[in-house]
Structure formats: C-alpha cells, structure tokens
Amino acid sequence: MNVLLTNQMEQWVQQKVGSGFYSSNSEVVMEALRMLHAIESRKNSKFAHLQNEVQEGINSAEQGELLEWTTSLSNDIKEIARKRRQA
C-alpha cells in the first residue's frame, strides 16, 4: 500500500522518526492509525450507548412513565450533568 501525505505531514512524520521515538515512517503511520481506530471505537461505543438511552426514554414514554417538567427537575438534571462532567 502506498500512502500520499502532504509535505507538512511528511515533514512531521520524519521529525517523529528523527526524534528516535519511532524507528521508521511506517511505524509512525501505524501508530497514528491505531490511535484513530481507538478514537473511532470510543465514539461508536458512546453513540451506541446514547442510542440505547434514547430508546429507554422512548419506551418509558410509551408506558406513560413521564415526569412533569418543573424548575426543580431542570435544576436536578443540570446538577447531574455537572457532576458527570467533573468525573
């Protein structure tokens, strides 16, 4: 397989090899592809989780398990979101 890189990307790859951390251009590209794969896997996992959560909400609504929207409920949701971001 041949891969075409922009001049800027090619220089960056050569700098990585020149740093001594990588032994070849191929090693740099393989590491980058491993990282891209890991990022995509995490995104896909998060998306699947979100789809499941939405479906749970739809199922609950269809069963009549709804809450009345109040300022208190809104504040509770905001607090849960803040705690999740901090975690």
N, C-alpha and C. Protein backbone atom coordinates (compact mmCIF):
# COMPACT_ATOMS: atom_id res chain seq x y z
N MET A 1 0.84 -1.17 0.00
CA MET A 1 0.00 0.00 0.00
C MET A 1 0.89 1.24 0.00
N ASN A 2 0.57 2.17 -0.83
CA ASN A 2 1.27 3.45 -0.85
C ASN A 2 0.33 4.51 -0.28
N VAL A 3 0.90 5.41 0.49
CA VAL A 3 0.11 6.48 1.09
C VAL A 3 0.73 7.80 0.70
N LEU A 4 -0.09 8.72 0.23
CA LEU A 4 0.38 10.04 -0.12
C LEU A 4 0.09 10.99 1.03
N LEU A 5 1.10 11.72 1.45
CA LEU A 5 0.96 12.68 2.53
C LEU A 5 1.25 14.08 1.99
N THR A 6 0.67 15.06 2.63
CA THR A 6 1.04 16.43 2.28
C THR A 6 2.49 16.65 2.72
N ASN A 7 3.12 17.67 2.18
CA ASN A 7 4.50 17.97 2.57
C ASN A 7 4.61 18.20 4.07
N GLN A 8 3.64 18.90 4.61
CA GLN A 8 3.65 19.18 6.05
C GLN A 8 3.56 17.89 6.86
N MET A 9 2.67 16.99 6.48
CA MET A 9 2.53 15.73 7.21
C MET A 9 3.79 14.87 7.05
N GLU A 10 4.36 14.87 5.86
CA GLU A 10 5.58 14.09 5.64
C GLU A 10 6.71 14.61 6.51
N GLN A 11 6.84 15.92 6.62
CA GLN A 11 7.88 16.50 7.49
C GLN A 11 7.63 16.13 8.95
N TRP A 12 6.37 16.14 9.35
CA TRP A 12 6.03 15.79 10.73
C TRP A 12 6.42 14.34 11.01
N VAL A 13 6.11 13.43 10.08
CA VAL A 13 6.47 12.02 10.24
C VAL A 13 7.99 11.88 10.34
N GLN A 14 8.71 12.57 9.48
CA GLN A 14 10.17 12.49 9.51
C GLN A 14 10.73 13.05 10.81
N GLN A 15 10.09 14.09 11.35
CA GLN A 15 10.53 14.62 12.65
C GLN A 15 10.33 13.58 13.76
N LYS A 16 9.23 12.86 13.70
CA LYS A 16 8.97 11.82 14.70
C LYS A 16 10.03 10.73 14.63
N VAL A 17 10.38 10.33 13.42
CA VAL A 17 11.43 9.31 13.26
C VAL A 17 12.76 9.88 13.73
N GLY A 18 13.02 11.14 13.37
CA GLY A 18 14.27 11.79 13.76
C GLY A 18 14.41 11.96 15.26
N SER A 19 13.29 11.99 15.97
CA SER A 19 13.34 12.14 17.43
C SER A 19 13.87 10.88 18.10
N GLY A 20 13.85 9.77 17.35
CA GLY A 20 14.32 8.50 17.90
C GLY A 20 13.24 7.68 18.57
N PHE A 21 12.06 8.25 18.72
CA PHE A 21 10.98 7.52 19.37
C PHE A 21 10.40 6.46 18.46
N TYR A 22 10.46 6.71 17.15
CA TYR A 22 9.98 5.75 16.16
C TYR A 22 11.16 5.37 15.28
N SER A 23 11.16 4.13 14.81
CA SER A 23 12.29 3.66 14.01
C SER A 23 12.08 3.81 12.51
N SER A 24 10.83 4.08 12.08
CA SER A 24 10.57 4.22 10.64
C SER A 24 9.31 5.03 10.40
N ASN A 25 9.18 5.51 9.17
CA ASN A 25 7.96 6.22 8.78
C ASN A 25 6.73 5.34 8.96
N SER A 26 6.88 4.07 8.60
CA SER A 26 5.75 3.14 8.71
C SER A 26 5.30 3.00 10.16
N GLU A 27 6.24 3.00 11.06
CA GLU A 27 5.89 2.86 12.48
C GLU A 27 5.06 4.07 12.94
N VAL A 28 5.43 5.26 12.49
CA VAL A 28 4.66 6.47 12.84
C VAL A 28 3.25 6.37 12.29
N VAL A 29 3.12 5.98 11.03
CA VAL A 29 1.81 5.88 10.39
C VAL A 29 0.96 4.80 11.07
N MET A 30 1.57 3.68 11.39
CA MET A 30 0.81 2.60 12.06
C MET A 30 0.32 3.07 13.44
N GLU A 31 1.15 3.78 14.17
CA GLU A 31 0.75 4.30 15.48
C GLU A 31 -0.41 5.29 15.32
N ALA A 32 -0.32 6.15 14.33
CA ALA A 32 -1.40 7.11 14.09
C ALA A 32 -2.70 6.39 13.74
N LEU A 33 -2.61 5.34 12.94
CA LEU A 33 -3.81 4.58 12.57
C LEU A 33 -4.39 3.83 13.77
N ARG A 34 -3.52 3.32 14.65
CA ARG A 34 -4.01 2.67 15.88
C ARG A 34 -4.77 3.66 16.74
N MET A 35 -4.23 4.87 16.84
CA MET A 35 -4.89 5.89 17.65
C MET A 35 -6.23 6.30 17.03
N LEU A 36 -6.27 6.46 15.71
CA LEU A 36 -7.51 6.79 15.02
C LEU A 36 -8.55 5.69 15.24
N HIS A 37 -8.12 4.46 15.15
CA HIS A 37 -9.03 3.33 15.37
C HIS A 37 -9.59 3.37 16.80
N ALA A 38 -8.74 3.65 17.77
CA ALA A 38 -9.18 3.71 19.17
C ALA A 38 -10.19 4.83 19.37
N ILE A 39 -9.94 5.99 18.76
CA ILE A 39 -10.86 7.12 18.87
C ILE A 39 -12.20 6.78 18.25
N GLU A 40 -12.18 6.19 17.07
CA GLU A 40 -13.43 5.82 16.40
C GLU A 40 -14.20 4.76 17.19
N SER A 41 -13.47 3.82 17.79
CA SER A 41 -14.13 2.79 18.59
C SER A 41 -14.83 3.40 19.79
N ARG A 42 -14.16 4.37 20.45
CA ARG A 42 -14.80 5.04 21.60
C ARG A 42 -16.03 5.82 21.15
N LYS A 43 -15.92 6.52 20.02
CA LYS A 43 -17.07 7.28 19.52
C LYS A 43 -18.23 6.35 19.20
N ASN A 44 -17.95 5.23 18.55
CA ASN A 44 -19.00 4.28 18.21
C ASN A 44 -19.66 3.71 19.45
N SER A 45 -18.85 3.43 20.46
CA SER A 45 -19.37 2.90 21.71
C SER A 45 -20.27 3.93 22.40
N LYS A 46 -19.82 5.18 22.43
CA LYS A 46 -20.63 6.24 23.05
C LYS A 46 -21.93 6.44 22.29
N PHE A 47 -21.86 6.38 20.95
CA PHE A 47 -23.06 6.56 20.14
C PHE A 47 -24.05 5.43 20.40
N ALA A 48 -23.56 4.20 20.47
CA ALA A 48 -24.43 3.06 20.74
C ALA A 48 -25.08 3.20 22.11
N HIS A 49 -24.31 3.66 23.09
CA HIS A 49 -24.85 3.87 24.44
C HIS A 49 -25.95 4.94 24.39
N LEU A 50 -25.70 6.02 23.66
CA LEU A 50 -26.69 7.09 23.54
C LEU A 50 -27.96 6.58 22.87
N GLN A 51 -27.81 5.77 21.82
CA GLN A 51 -28.99 5.20 21.15
C GLN A 51 -29.80 4.35 22.13
N ASN A 52 -29.12 3.57 22.96
CA ASN A 52 -29.82 2.75 23.96
C ASN A 52 -30.56 3.62 24.97
N GLU A 53 -29.91 4.70 25.41
CA GLU A 53 -30.54 5.60 26.37
C GLU A 53 -31.79 6.26 25.77
N VAL A 54 -31.70 6.68 24.51
CA VAL A 54 -32.85 7.29 23.84
C VAL A 54 -33.98 6.27 23.73
N GLN A 55 -33.64 5.05 23.36
CA GLN A 55 -34.67 4.01 23.24
C GLN A 55 -35.32 3.74 24.58
N GLU A 56 -34.54 3.74 25.66
CA GLU A 56 -35.12 3.57 27.00
C GLU A 56 -36.11 4.68 27.30
N GLY A 57 -35.74 5.91 26.93
CA GLY A 57 -36.64 7.05 27.15
C GLY A 57 -37.92 6.91 26.36
N ILE A 58 -37.79 6.48 25.11
CA ILE A 58 -38.98 6.27 24.26
C ILE A 58 -39.86 5.19 24.87
N ASN A 59 -39.26 4.10 25.30
CA ASN A 59 -40.03 3.01 25.92
C ASN A 59 -40.75 3.49 27.18
N SER A 60 -40.05 4.26 28.01
CA SER A 60 -40.67 4.78 29.23
C SER A 60 -41.84 5.69 28.89
N ALA A 61 -41.66 6.56 27.89
CA ALA A 61 -42.74 7.47 27.50
C ALA A 61 -43.95 6.69 26.98
N GLU A 62 -43.69 5.66 26.20
CA GLU A 62 -44.79 4.85 25.65
C GLU A 62 -45.55 4.13 26.76
N GLN A 63 -44.87 3.86 27.88
CA GLN A 63 -45.52 3.19 29.01
C GLN A 63 -46.13 4.20 29.98
N GLY A 64 -46.07 5.47 29.61
CA GLY A 64 -46.68 6.51 30.46
C GLY A 64 -45.82 6.93 31.63
N GLU A 65 -44.57 6.56 31.63
CA GLU A 65 -43.67 6.90 32.74
C GLU A 65 -43.01 8.26 32.47
N LEU A 66 -43.82 9.30 32.51
CA LEU A 66 -43.33 10.64 32.23
C LEU A 66 -43.33 11.48 33.49
N LEU A 67 -42.43 12.45 33.54
CA LEU A 67 -42.38 13.39 34.66
C LEU A 67 -42.83 14.76 34.16
N GLU A 68 -43.50 15.48 35.03
CA GLU A 68 -43.87 16.84 34.69
C GLU A 68 -42.62 17.72 34.77
N TRP A 69 -42.44 18.56 33.75
CA TRP A 69 -41.25 19.42 33.71
C TRP A 69 -41.44 20.57 34.69
N THR A 70 -40.52 20.65 35.64
CA THR A 70 -40.56 21.73 36.62
C THR A 70 -39.18 22.35 36.73
N THR A 71 -39.12 23.49 37.36
CA THR A 71 -37.83 24.15 37.59
C THR A 71 -36.94 23.25 38.45
N SER A 72 -37.51 22.59 39.40
CA SER A 72 -36.76 21.68 40.26
C SER A 72 -36.16 20.52 39.47
N LEU A 73 -36.95 19.95 38.57
CA LEU A 73 -36.46 18.85 37.74
C LEU A 73 -35.33 19.36 36.84
N SER A 74 -35.50 20.53 36.27
CA SER A 74 -34.47 21.12 35.41
C SER A 74 -33.17 21.31 36.19
N ASN A 75 -33.27 21.83 37.40
CA ASN A 75 -32.08 22.02 38.24
C ASN A 75 -31.42 20.70 38.60
N ASP A 76 -32.22 19.69 38.88
CA ASP A 76 -31.67 18.36 39.19
C ASP A 76 -30.89 17.81 38.01
N ILE A 77 -31.44 17.95 36.81
CA ILE A 77 -30.77 17.46 35.61
C ILE A 77 -29.46 18.20 35.38
N LYS A 78 -29.48 19.51 35.57
CA LYS A 78 -28.26 20.31 35.41
C LYS A 78 -27.19 19.86 36.41
N GLU A 79 -27.60 19.58 37.63
CA GLU A 79 -26.64 19.15 38.65
C GLU A 79 -26.04 17.79 38.31
N ILE A 80 -26.85 16.88 37.81
CA ILE A 80 -26.35 15.56 37.38
C ILE A 80 -25.33 15.74 36.26
N ALA A 81 -25.64 16.63 35.31
CA ALA A 81 -24.73 16.87 34.18
C ALA A 81 -23.41 17.46 34.69
N ARG A 82 -23.47 18.40 35.61
CA ARG A 82 -22.24 18.99 36.17
C ARG A 82 -21.36 17.92 36.83
N LYS A 83 -21.99 17.06 37.60
CA LYS A 83 -21.23 16.01 38.29
C LYS A 83 -20.60 15.05 37.29
N ARG A 84 -21.31 14.72 36.23
CA ARG A 84 -20.75 13.82 35.21
C ARG A 84 -19.56 14.45 34.50
N ARG A 85 -19.65 15.76 34.23
CA ARG A 85 -18.53 16.44 33.57
C ARG A 85 -17.29 16.46 34.46
N GLN A 86 -17.49 16.62 35.76
CA GLN A 86 -16.38 16.68 36.70
C GLN A 86 -15.72 15.32 36.90
N ALA A 87 -16.49 14.26 36.68
CA ALA A 87 -15.98 12.90 36.93
C ALA A 87 -15.03 12.45 35.85
